[in-house]
Amino acid sequence: MSTHSLPSDPQPVSRADLFPPAAYLIGAPKCGTTALGHYLAGHPGVGFSNPKEPHYFSRDLRGLCLCDDFEAYRATFAPGPQAEVLMEGSVWYLYSDSAITEILKARPDAKFIVMLRNPVKMLASLHRQLIHALDENEEDFRTAWDLSDARAAGKNIPRSCRAPSTLLYKRTAAFGEMLSRLYARVPRDRVLVLFQEDMRADTPGIYRRTLAFLGLEDDGRRDFPSINEAKRARSKLVRYVVTRAGPARQLVSRPIKRAFGLESLGLLKKLDALNTAKLAKVPVPADLAEEIAATYAEDMLLLQLLVGRDLADLGWPMPDPARPKSAAVG
C-alpha cells in the first residue's frame, strides 16, 4: 500500500499494444515487493506504474484505489521507447477477493509475481506500515493482533482506515489460501512465487529469475540498494496532511502552480521526508510468535505443499509433525 515513487514520470501511455498491463506484482505487503518493483522499473524493457500501487482492480478494497477510472489508471504508465511490458505492483491484489478476476477480464494472458515472507515477521512489519499509513491506530502489535476478531465483526476500526479488512492480522498472512485461489484461476506457468528470504540472500539471482519469467533480457544491473525500510512519522498530523488531505492541498497549491506555470511544487515530498524517521526493528515476543505460528500452521503446510519446498529451510516456523520435503502438487 505504499505510494513509493518509482523511476518514471507519469505521462499517459501511448502504445496501445502494451495496455492493459501484462504483468502484476500482486503481493504480499512487506515481503520485498517495493524493492523488486524499484529494480524492475529501472529495466529499459519495463514500463512500471507510478505510483507503484494504484490498486485499480481491487474493487473490494476501494479505499486503497488511487485511480477513479480506466483512463486515470492508464495515465499511471509512461513506457520508454524500449518498453516490452507494462506492469504494476499493487500488493493487496493477492489478498483481494475480486482483483485477479477483474485483471483477467482486462488482460486474459496476464502474468503474476507473488512474493512471500515468514508470516510472523511479515505481520509485525505490516503492523508498523499500517500505523505509518494512518490505517492502524493501535501502537502495540499484540493488542492489534488480538483485535482481529473484533475488527472482522466491524468493531474497533480506526476512522482513518481506508480498507478495514487489511487490519485482520489473523487473515492477512494466509498465503496458502491465497495462492491456492490464484492457482485455481491462473495456469501455474503464468505465476512466479518468490520469497523475501531468498531475495535477501541473493538479490541479483532473484532479479534475473524475474526477468526471465517476464521474457526480458538481463540488463546487467549490479546495484541493488535497500528500499522501503521500516519508518515512522514524527508527526501524524503532518503525515495526514501529506497523504490524506488531497482536496485541501489542491485548494492551496493550485493557484500557486498556475501563477508560476508549475506542474508540481514538490513541497509535500520534501515535507514528508523531513517528517519521516527510520524505525528500528522490534522483535516479536516469543509467546506471540508461537501464537501466530499456531494460527497459520495449516495454511503454511498448504503453502509448502503448493510450492513444493521445505519452508523451514527459509526460517519459517513450520509446525510438527515432520514436514514433507518435496510435496509438489500437480
Protein backbone atom coordinates (compact mmCIF):
# COMPACT_ATOMS: atom_id res chain seq x y z
CA MET A 1 0.00 0.00 0.00
CA SER A 2 2.96 2.20 -0.38
CA THR A 3 2.84 5.16 -2.72
CA HIS A 4 6.61 4.84 -3.16
CA SER A 5 7.56 6.67 -6.36
CA LEU A 6 9.38 4.64 -8.96
CA PRO A 7 11.87 6.00 -11.51
CA SER A 8 9.40 7.17 -14.15
CA ASP A 9 7.38 10.30 -14.87
CA PRO A 10 3.59 9.90 -15.04
CA GLN A 11 2.67 10.60 -18.66
CA PRO A 12 -0.18 8.83 -20.47
CA VAL A 13 0.81 5.59 -22.16
CA SER A 14 0.63 5.89 -25.93
CA ARG A 15 1.42 2.34 -27.09
CA ALA A 16 -1.93 0.59 -27.18
CA ASP A 17 -0.37 -2.85 -27.58
CA LEU A 18 1.11 -2.65 -24.08
CA PHE A 19 -2.01 -1.64 -22.17
CA PRO A 20 -3.64 -3.02 -20.02
CA PRO A 21 -0.50 -4.26 -18.22
CA ALA A 22 0.60 -7.81 -18.91
CA ALA A 23 2.40 -8.32 -15.58
CA TYR A 24 1.39 -7.74 -11.96
CA LEU A 25 3.45 -7.85 -8.77
CA ILE A 26 0.45 -8.71 -6.61
CA GLY A 27 1.83 -9.10 -3.10
CA ALA A 28 2.13 -9.73 -0.35
CA PRO A 29 2.72 -6.49 1.57
CA LYS A 30 6.02 -6.14 3.45
CA CYS A 31 7.56 -9.06 1.55
CA GLY A 32 10.06 -7.19 -0.65
CA THR A 33 7.76 -6.08 -3.46
CA THR A 34 8.76 -2.41 -3.29
CA ALA A 35 12.43 -3.28 -3.68
CA LEU A 36 11.82 -5.69 -6.56
CA GLY A 37 9.45 -3.19 -8.21
CA HIS A 38 12.08 -0.46 -7.94
CA TYR A 39 14.72 -2.66 -9.57
CA LEU A 40 12.36 -3.75 -12.36
CA ALA A 41 11.29 -0.15 -13.02
CA GLY A 42 14.90 0.63 -13.90
CA HIS A 43 14.96 -2.00 -16.65
CA PRO A 44 14.52 -0.45 -20.13
CA GLY A 45 12.07 -3.19 -21.10
CA VAL A 46 9.67 -2.44 -18.23
CA GLY A 47 7.12 0.35 -18.02
CA PHE A 48 6.21 0.36 -14.33
CA SER A 49 3.25 2.29 -12.95
CA ASN A 50 3.85 5.44 -10.94
CA PRO A 51 2.73 5.17 -8.20
CA LYS A 52 3.70 1.56 -7.70
CA GLU A 53 0.37 0.53 -6.17
CA PRO A 54 -2.63 2.04 -8.00
CA HIS A 55 -4.91 -0.79 -6.76
CA TYR A 56 -7.26 -0.15 -9.66
CA PHE A 57 -8.58 -3.72 -9.84
CA SER A 58 -9.21 -4.37 -6.12
CA ARG A 59 -12.84 -3.28 -6.16
CA ASP A 60 -13.46 -4.83 -2.73
CA LEU A 61 -10.72 -2.63 -1.24
CA ARG A 62 -11.83 0.65 -2.77
CA GLY A 63 -10.21 2.76 -0.09
CA LEU A 64 -6.81 1.77 -1.47
CA CYS A 65 -7.63 2.65 -5.08
CA LEU A 66 -5.71 5.66 -6.42
CA CYS A 67 -7.46 5.70 -9.80
CA ASP A 68 -11.03 6.81 -10.37
CA ASP A 69 -11.41 5.31 -13.84
CA PHE A 70 -9.67 3.37 -16.60
CA GLU A 71 -8.15 6.47 -18.18
CA ALA A 72 -6.74 7.61 -14.85
CA TYR A 73 -5.25 4.12 -14.48
CA ARG A 74 -3.80 4.33 -18.00
CA ALA A 75 -2.14 7.64 -17.09
CA THR A 76 -0.05 5.99 -14.38
CA PHE A 77 2.09 4.32 -17.05
CA ALA A 78 4.83 6.02 -19.03
CA PRO A 79 6.70 3.37 -21.02
CA GLY A 80 10.05 4.25 -22.52
CA PRO A 81 10.87 3.60 -26.18
CA GLN A 82 12.32 0.15 -25.38
CA ALA A 83 9.44 -1.00 -23.17
CA GLU A 84 8.26 -4.53 -23.87
CA VAL A 85 5.89 -4.95 -20.92
CA LEU A 86 3.83 -2.77 -18.61
CA MET A 87 3.45 -3.82 -15.00
CA GLU A 88 2.32 -2.56 -11.62
CA GLY A 89 2.73 -3.64 -8.00
CA SER A 90 -0.50 -3.39 -6.01
CA VAL A 91 0.34 -5.65 -3.08
CA TRP A 92 -3.21 -6.27 -1.86
CA TYR A 93 -4.32 -7.87 -5.14
CA LEU A 94 -3.31 -11.30 -3.81
CA TYR A 95 -5.49 -10.75 -0.71
CA SER A 96 -8.41 -9.23 -2.61
CA ASP A 97 -11.43 -11.39 -3.41
CA SER A 98 -12.01 -9.71 -6.77
CA ALA A 99 -8.75 -8.30 -8.15
CA ILE A 100 -7.49 -11.36 -10.04
CA THR A 101 -10.87 -11.89 -11.70
CA GLU A 102 -11.01 -8.24 -12.76
CA ILE A 103 -7.43 -8.32 -14.09
CA LEU A 104 -8.14 -11.43 -16.16
CA LYS A 105 -11.19 -9.76 -17.67
CA ALA A 106 -8.98 -6.91 -18.85
CA ARG A 107 -5.89 -9.00 -19.67
CA PRO A 108 -6.57 -12.77 -20.03
CA ASP A 109 -2.88 -13.55 -20.63
CA ALA A 110 -1.64 -11.67 -17.53
CA LYS A 111 1.36 -12.93 -15.57
CA PHE A 112 1.55 -12.67 -11.78
CA ILE A 113 4.52 -12.36 -9.44
CA VAL A 114 3.96 -13.31 -5.79
CA MET A 115 6.45 -12.50 -3.02
CA LEU A 116 6.04 -14.09 0.40
CA ARG A 117 7.75 -13.98 3.78
CA ASN A 118 7.73 -15.66 7.20
CA PRO A 119 4.25 -14.69 8.49
CA VAL A 120 5.48 -13.69 11.95
CA LYS A 121 7.94 -11.17 10.55
CA MET A 122 5.61 -10.05 7.78
CA LEU A 123 2.75 -9.29 10.18
CA ALA A 124 4.93 -7.34 12.60
CA SER A 125 6.27 -5.28 9.70
CA LEU A 126 2.79 -4.84 8.24
CA HIS A 127 1.51 -3.53 11.57
CA ARG A 128 4.22 -0.83 11.59
CA GLN A 129 3.45 0.06 7.96
CA LEU A 130 -0.27 0.39 8.65
CA ILE A 131 0.47 2.72 11.54
CA HIS A 132 2.66 4.85 9.28
CA ALA A 133 -0.07 4.86 6.61
CA LEU A 134 -2.60 6.03 9.25
CA ASP A 135 -4.75 2.93 8.71
CA GLU A 136 -3.91 1.49 12.14
CA ASN A 137 -4.22 3.36 15.45
CA GLU A 138 -3.19 0.61 17.87
CA GLU A 139 0.53 1.03 18.54
CA ASP A 140 1.01 -2.29 20.31
CA PHE A 141 1.25 -5.23 17.91
CA ARG A 142 -0.04 -7.81 20.39
CA THR A 143 -3.15 -5.72 21.07
CA ALA A 144 -3.67 -5.16 17.33
CA TRP A 145 -3.35 -8.92 16.74
CA ASP A 146 -5.92 -9.61 19.47
CA LEU A 147 -8.32 -7.11 17.87
CA SER A 148 -8.51 -9.15 14.64
CA ASP A 149 -11.73 -10.95 15.58
CA ALA A 150 -13.48 -7.79 16.79
CA ARG A 151 -12.46 -5.95 13.64
CA ALA A 152 -13.74 -8.81 11.50
CA ALA A 153 -17.09 -8.06 13.14
CA GLY A 154 -16.77 -4.37 12.25
CA LYS A 155 -15.69 -3.16 15.69
CA ASN A 156 -12.70 -1.03 16.76
CA ILE A 157 -11.99 0.14 13.20
CA PRO A 158 -9.97 3.39 13.12
CA ARG A 159 -11.78 6.23 11.36
CA SER A 160 -8.76 6.83 9.15
CA CYS A 161 -8.53 3.20 7.93
CA ARG A 162 -9.07 3.03 4.17
CA ALA A 163 -9.74 -0.73 3.96
CA PRO A 164 -10.75 -2.33 7.29
CA SER A 165 -10.07 -5.90 6.10
CA THR A 166 -6.34 -5.08 5.92
CA LEU A 167 -6.36 -4.94 9.74
CA LEU A 168 -7.35 -8.60 10.12
CA TYR A 169 -3.90 -9.87 11.06
CA LYS A 170 -5.23 -13.38 11.59
CA ARG A 171 -6.14 -13.48 7.87
CA THR A 172 -3.71 -11.20 6.04
CA ALA A 173 -0.88 -13.76 6.02
CA ALA A 174 -2.94 -16.75 4.84
CA PHE A 175 -0.61 -17.21 1.88
CA GLY A 176 -1.51 -20.84 1.25
CA GLU A 177 -5.18 -20.00 0.87
CA MET A 178 -4.40 -17.01 -1.36
CA LEU A 179 -2.02 -18.94 -3.61
CA SER A 180 -4.47 -21.84 -3.90
CA ARG A 181 -7.14 -19.38 -5.01
CA LEU A 182 -4.75 -17.85 -7.55
CA TYR A 183 -3.76 -21.25 -8.96
CA ALA A 184 -7.46 -22.07 -9.42
CA ARG A 185 -7.74 -19.11 -11.82
CA VAL A 186 -4.33 -18.83 -13.48
CA PRO A 187 -2.10 -21.50 -15.11
CA ARG A 188 0.98 -22.09 -12.97
CA ASP A 189 3.36 -21.20 -15.78
CA ARG A 190 2.00 -17.64 -15.53
CA VAL A 191 2.69 -17.40 -11.78
CA LEU A 192 6.12 -16.82 -10.26
CA VAL A 193 6.36 -17.37 -6.48
CA LEU A 194 9.33 -15.75 -4.77
CA PHE A 195 10.41 -15.47 -1.15
CA GLN A 196 11.77 -12.40 0.57
CA GLU A 197 14.28 -14.58 2.39
CA ASP A 198 15.73 -15.73 -0.96
CA MET A 199 15.94 -12.17 -2.23
CA ARG A 200 17.84 -11.08 0.86
CA ALA A 201 20.31 -13.92 0.29
CA ASP A 202 20.69 -13.46 -3.48
CA THR A 203 19.09 -10.29 -4.81
CA PRO A 204 20.76 -10.42 -8.25
CA GLY A 205 19.65 -14.02 -8.72
CA ILE A 206 16.02 -13.25 -7.86
CA TYR A 207 16.09 -10.21 -10.14
CA ARG A 208 17.39 -12.23 -13.10
CA ARG A 209 14.89 -15.00 -12.40
CA THR A 210 12.09 -12.43 -12.54
CA LEU A 211 13.38 -11.01 -15.83
CA ALA A 212 13.43 -14.50 -17.33
CA PHE A 213 9.83 -15.05 -16.19
CA LEU A 214 8.84 -11.79 -17.91
CA GLY A 215 10.71 -12.78 -21.07
CA LEU A 216 13.23 -9.93 -20.72
CA GLU A 217 16.98 -9.88 -21.27
CA ASP A 218 19.32 -9.29 -18.34
CA ASP A 219 20.27 -5.61 -18.39
CA GLY A 220 23.41 -6.24 -16.37
CA ARG A 221 22.18 -4.46 -13.25
CA ARG A 222 24.56 -4.89 -10.34
CA ASP A 223 23.37 -2.19 -7.93
CA PHE A 224 20.58 -3.29 -5.57
CA PRO A 225 20.15 -0.65 -2.84
CA SER A 226 17.95 -1.22 0.20
CA ILE A 227 14.43 0.07 -0.46
CA ASN A 228 11.38 0.79 1.73
CA GLU A 229 12.95 0.35 5.16
CA ALA A 230 10.66 0.49 8.19
CA LYS A 231 9.77 4.06 9.10
CA ARG A 232 7.53 6.18 11.28
CA ALA A 233 6.05 9.66 11.09
CA ARG A 234 7.37 12.16 13.60
CA SER A 235 4.04 13.99 13.38
CA LYS A 236 0.82 12.16 12.50
CA LEU A 237 -0.84 15.48 11.68
CA VAL A 238 1.82 16.29 9.09
CA ARG A 239 1.56 12.76 7.72
CA TYR A 240 -2.21 13.18 7.38
CA VAL A 241 -1.85 16.47 5.52
CA VAL A 242 0.68 14.94 3.14
CA THR A 243 -1.17 11.70 2.40
CA ARG A 244 -4.86 12.26 3.03
CA ALA A 245 -5.80 15.94 2.80
CA GLY A 246 -5.82 15.99 -1.01
CA PRO A 247 -8.72 18.40 -1.68
CA ALA A 248 -7.50 20.92 0.86
CA ARG A 249 -3.97 20.74 -0.55
CA GLN A 250 -5.26 21.38 -4.04
CA LEU A 251 -7.13 24.49 -2.93
CA VAL A 252 -3.87 25.95 -1.66
CA SER A 253 -1.43 24.69 -4.27
CA ARG A 254 -3.45 25.04 -7.50
CA PRO A 255 -3.36 28.89 -7.65
CA ILE A 256 0.36 28.89 -6.88
CA LYS A 257 1.14 26.36 -9.62
CA ARG A 258 -0.94 28.29 -12.14
CA ALA A 259 0.70 31.59 -11.26
CA PHE A 260 4.18 30.22 -11.81
CA GLY A 261 3.37 27.71 -14.58
CA LEU A 262 4.49 24.73 -12.49
CA GLU A 263 3.40 21.11 -12.77
CA SER A 264 4.24 20.41 -9.13
CA LEU A 265 5.51 22.38 -6.17
CA GLY A 266 7.42 19.39 -4.83
CA LEU A 267 6.91 20.65 -1.30
CA LEU A 268 4.92 17.73 0.00
CA LYS A 269 7.58 15.16 -0.82
CA LYS A 270 10.16 17.28 0.96
CA LEU A 271 7.85 17.75 3.94
CA ASP A 272 7.11 14.04 4.14
CA ALA A 273 10.83 13.21 4.01
CA LEU A 274 11.55 15.63 6.84
CA ASN A 275 8.70 14.16 8.85
CA THR A 276 9.88 10.56 8.39
CA ALA A 277 12.34 8.73 10.62
CA LYS A 278 13.74 5.21 10.26
CA LEU A 279 12.22 2.72 12.67
CA ALA A 280 14.32 0.17 14.49
CA LYS A 281 13.14 -3.41 14.24
CA VAL A 282 11.11 -4.53 17.24
CA PRO A 283 11.32 -8.27 17.98
CA VAL A 284 8.05 -10.16 18.34
CA PRO A 285 7.72 -11.69 21.84
CA ALA A 286 8.28 -15.45 21.76
CA ASP A 287 4.82 -16.33 23.04
CA LEU A 288 3.13 -14.11 20.44
CA ALA A 289 5.33 -15.55 17.67
CA GLU A 290 4.24 -19.04 18.75
CA GLU A 291 0.58 -18.00 18.73
CA ILE A 292 0.90 -16.55 15.22
CA ALA A 293 2.67 -19.69 14.01
CA ALA A 294 -0.06 -21.88 15.53
CA THR A 295 -2.79 -19.76 13.94
CA TYR A 296 -1.23 -20.13 10.49
CA ALA A 297 0.04 -23.71 10.92
CA GLU A 298 -2.37 -25.40 8.49
CA ASP A 299 -2.05 -22.58 5.98
CA MET A 300 1.75 -22.80 6.00
CA LEU A 301 1.56 -26.54 5.38
CA LEU A 302 -0.80 -25.88 2.46
CA LEU A 303 1.61 -23.30 1.05
CA GLN A 304 4.52 -25.72 1.43
CA LEU A 305 2.52 -28.32 -0.47
CA LEU A 306 1.71 -25.85 -3.25
CA VAL A 307 5.28 -24.61 -3.78
CA GLY A 308 7.00 -27.96 -3.19
CA ARG A 309 9.60 -26.56 -0.87
CA ASP A 310 10.55 -27.07 2.80
CA LEU A 311 9.77 -23.61 4.19
CA ALA A 312 11.59 -24.40 7.43
CA ASP A 313 14.77 -24.03 5.37
CA LEU A 314 13.83 -20.37 4.99
CA GLY A 315 13.39 -19.95 8.74
CA TRP A 316 9.60 -20.20 8.73
CA PRO A 317 8.05 -21.57 11.97
CA MET A 318 6.67 -24.74 10.39
CA PRO A 319 4.52 -26.90 12.64
CA ASP A 320 5.05 -30.51 13.66
CA PRO A 321 4.62 -33.31 12.70
CA ALA A 322 7.50 -33.73 10.30
CA ARG A 323 7.24 -31.54 7.23
CA PRO A 324 7.07 -33.06 3.73
CA LYS A 325 10.34 -32.38 1.96
CA SER A 326 9.21 -32.28 -1.65
CA ALA A 327 5.44 -32.31 -1.74
CA ALA A 328 4.83 -30.54 -5.02
CA VAL A 329 1.24 -30.62 -6.22
CA GLY A 330 0.23 -31.02 -9.84
